[in-house]
C-alpha atoms as a PDB file:
ATOM      1  CA  MET A   1      78.725  90.495 130.391  1.00  0.00           C
ATOM      2  CA  ASN A   2      79.453  86.852 131.831  1.00  0.00           C
ATOM      3  CA  VAL A   3      83.144  85.693 132.418  1.00  0.00           C
ATOM      4  CA  ASP A   4      83.619  83.839 129.705  1.00  0.00           C
ATOM      5  CA  THR A   5      82.907  86.629 127.446  1.00  0.00           C
ATOM      6  CA  GLN A   6      84.851  89.117 128.689  1.00  0.00           C
ATOM      7  CA  THR A   7      87.694  86.372 128.870  1.00  0.00           C
ATOM      8  CA  HIS A   8      87.051  85.437 125.205  1.00  0.00           C
ATOM      9  CA  LEU A   9      87.470  89.426 124.702  1.00  0.00           C
ATOM     10  CA  THR A  10      90.378  90.119 126.448  1.00  0.00           C
ATOM     11  CA  VAL A  11      92.132  86.917 124.268  1.00  0.00           C
ATOM     12  CA  LEU A  12      91.123  88.390 120.918  1.00  0.00           C
ATOM     13  CA  ARG A  13      92.181  91.903 122.153  1.00  0.00           C
ATOM     14  CA  GLY A  14      95.433  90.697 123.210  1.00  0.00           C
ATOM     15  CA  ARG A  15      95.422  89.079 119.666  1.00  0.00           C
ATOM     16  CA  LEU A  16      94.855  91.987 117.906  1.00  0.00           C
ATOM     17  CA  VAL A  17      97.582  93.943 119.539  1.00  0.00           C
ATOM     18  CA  PHE A  18     100.228  90.824 118.651  1.00  0.00           C
ATOM     19  CA  GLN A  19      98.865  91.130 115.241  1.00  0.00           C
ATOM     20  CA  LEU A  20      99.208  94.530 115.242  1.00  0.00           C
ATOM     21  CA  ASN A  21     102.465  95.037 116.527  1.00  0.00           C
ATOM     22  CA  GLU A  22     103.630  91.972 114.156  1.00  0.00           C
ATOM     23  CA  THR A  23     102.124  94.091 111.285  1.00  0.00           C
ATOM     24  CA  ARG A  24     103.910  97.206 112.101  1.00  0.00           C
ATOM     25  CA  THR A  25     107.316  96.089 112.320  1.00  0.00           C
ATOM     26  CA  GLU A  26     106.527  94.213 108.968  1.00  0.00           C
ATOM     27  CA  LEU A  27     105.293  97.471 107.319  1.00  0.00           C
ATOM     28  CA  ARG A  28     108.545  99.248 108.863  1.00  0.00           C
ATOM     29  CA  ALA A  29     111.077  96.694 107.561  1.00  0.00           C
ATOM     30  CA  LEU A  30     109.450  96.917 103.840  1.00  0.00           C
ATOM     31  CA  GLN A  31     109.140 100.285 103.570  1.00  0.00           C
ATOM     32  CA  ARG A  32     113.101 100.256 104.310  1.00  0.00           C
ATOM     33  CA  ASP A  33     113.443  97.763 102.438  1.00  0.00           C
ATOM     34  CA  ASN A  34     111.644  99.623  99.801  1.00  0.00           C
ATOM     35  CA  ALA A  35     113.562 102.845 100.450  1.00  0.00           C
ATOM     36  CA  ALA A  36     116.864 101.013 100.189  1.00  0.00           C
ATOM     37  CA  LEU A  37     116.063  99.213  96.917  1.00  0.00           C
ATOM     38  CA  LEU A  38     115.018 103.185  95.235  1.00  0.00           C
ATOM     39  CA  THR A  39     118.514 104.306  96.752  1.00  0.00           C
ATOM     40  CA  ASP A  40     120.439 102.124  95.167  1.00  0.00           C
ATOM     41  CA  ALA A  41     117.821 101.666  91.673  1.00  0.00           C
ATOM     42  CA  ARG A  42     119.363 105.565  91.530  1.00  0.00           C
ATOM     43  CA  VAL A  43     123.387 104.774  91.914  1.00  0.00           C
ATOM     44  CA  ARG A  44     123.591 102.135  89.758  1.00  0.00           C
ATOM     45  CA  GLU A  45     122.676 102.514  86.287  1.00  0.00           C
ATOM     46  CA  THR A  46     120.575  99.566  84.395  1.00  0.00           C
ATOM     47  CA  SER A  47     122.623  98.150  81.604  1.00  0.00           C
ATOM     48  CA  ASP A  48     118.938  96.754  79.602  1.00  0.00           C
ATOM     49  CA  ARG A  49     116.050  96.453  79.916  1.00  0.00           C
ATOM     50  CA  GLU A  50     115.374  93.670  81.603  1.00  0.00           C
ATOM     51  CA  GLU A  51     117.025  94.528  84.730  1.00  0.00           C
ATOM     52  CA  GLU A  52     114.678  97.833  84.436  1.00  0.00           C
ATOM     53  CA  ALA A  53     111.725  95.463  84.346  1.00  0.00           C
ATOM     54  CA  ALA A  54     112.610  93.404  86.844  1.00  0.00           C
ATOM     55  CA  ALA A  55     113.335  96.464  89.157  1.00  0.00           C
ATOM     56  CA  GLY A  56     110.056  97.686  88.107  1.00  0.00           C
ATOM     57  CA  GLN A  57     108.256  94.474  89.201  1.00  0.00           C
ATOM     58  CA  GLU A  58     110.321  94.882  92.534  1.00  0.00           C
ATOM     59  CA  PHE A  59     108.814  98.444  93.555  1.00  0.00           C
ATOM     60  CA  GLU A  60     105.679  97.260  92.203  1.00  0.00           C
ATOM     61  CA  ALA A  61     105.364  94.426  94.397  1.00  0.00           C
ATOM     62  CA  ALA A  62     106.485  96.029  97.378  1.00  0.00           C
ATOM     63  CA  ASP A  63     104.346  98.624  97.124  1.00  0.00           C
ATOM     64  CA  ALA A  64     101.503  96.279  97.161  1.00  0.00           C
ATOM     65  CA  ALA A  65     102.811  94.580 100.216  1.00  0.00           C
ATOM     66  CA  ILE A  66     102.898  97.828 101.396  1.00  0.00           C
ATOM     67  CA  GLU A  67      99.685  99.451 101.215  1.00  0.00           C
ATOM     68  CA  ARG A  68      97.925  96.181 101.895  1.00  0.00           C
ATOM     69  CA  LEU A  69      99.994  96.006 105.180  1.00  0.00           C
ATOM     70  CA  GLY A  70      98.722  99.369 105.484  1.00  0.00           C
ATOM     71  CA  ARG A  71      94.972  98.791 105.930  1.00  0.00           C
ATOM     72  CA  GLU A  72      96.018  95.841 107.816  1.00  0.00           C
ATOM     73  CA  VAL A  73      97.150  98.110 110.639  1.00  0.00           C
ATOM     74  CA  ALA A  74      94.499 100.442 110.121  1.00  0.00           C
ATOM     75  CA  GLN A  75      91.906  97.646 110.221  1.00  0.00           C
ATOM     76  CA  CYS A  76      93.410  96.243 113.598  1.00  0.00           C
ATOM     77  CA  GLU A  77      93.662  99.644 115.020  1.00  0.00           C
ATOM     78  CA  ARG A  78      89.829  99.927 114.503  1.00  0.00           C
ATOM     79  CA  ALA A  79      88.863  96.881 115.934  1.00  0.00           C
ATOM     80  CA  LEU A  80      91.027  97.962 118.852  1.00  0.00           C
ATOM     81  CA  HIS A  81      89.413 100.788 119.122  1.00  0.00           C
ATOM     82  CA  TRP A  82      85.846  99.366 118.552  1.00  0.00           C
ATOM     83  CA  SER A  83      86.367  96.972 121.569  1.00  0.00           C
ATOM     84  CA  ARG A  84      88.244  99.882 123.631  1.00  0.00           C
ATOM     85  CA  GLN A  85      84.481 101.375 123.667  1.00  0.00           C
ATOM     86  CA  THR A  86      82.715  97.891 123.870  1.00  0.00           C
ATOM     87  CA  ARG A  87      84.611  97.572 127.226  1.00  0.00           C
ATOM     88  CA  ALA A  88      84.045 100.903 128.477  1.00  0.00           C
ATOM     89  CA  SER A  89      80.615 101.016 127.681  1.00  0.00           C
ATOM     90  CA  SER A  90      79.658  97.772 129.788  1.00  0.00           C
END
C-alpha cells in the first residue's frame, strides 16, 4: 500500500473515531433526556388530552432519534473494525 493511501486511510479512521465519539455522546444525552421526560410524565398529572398527545409525540420522536443514533454508532463501529482488519492484513 502506498504512502498516500495509508495517509488517506488514517485520516478516514480518525474521522470515524471522531464521529463515533460524537454520536455516542449525543446518544447518551438523548437517552438521559428521554429518561427525564419519562420520569416527569409519571410524576405530573396531565391536565388534558393535548398535553398527553404532545408528550406522546415527544417520546416517539426521542425514541426514533435514539434508534437512529444507535444504528449510526453500530455502523461506525463496523467500519472501524473493518479498517483495523484491513490495516492488519496489509
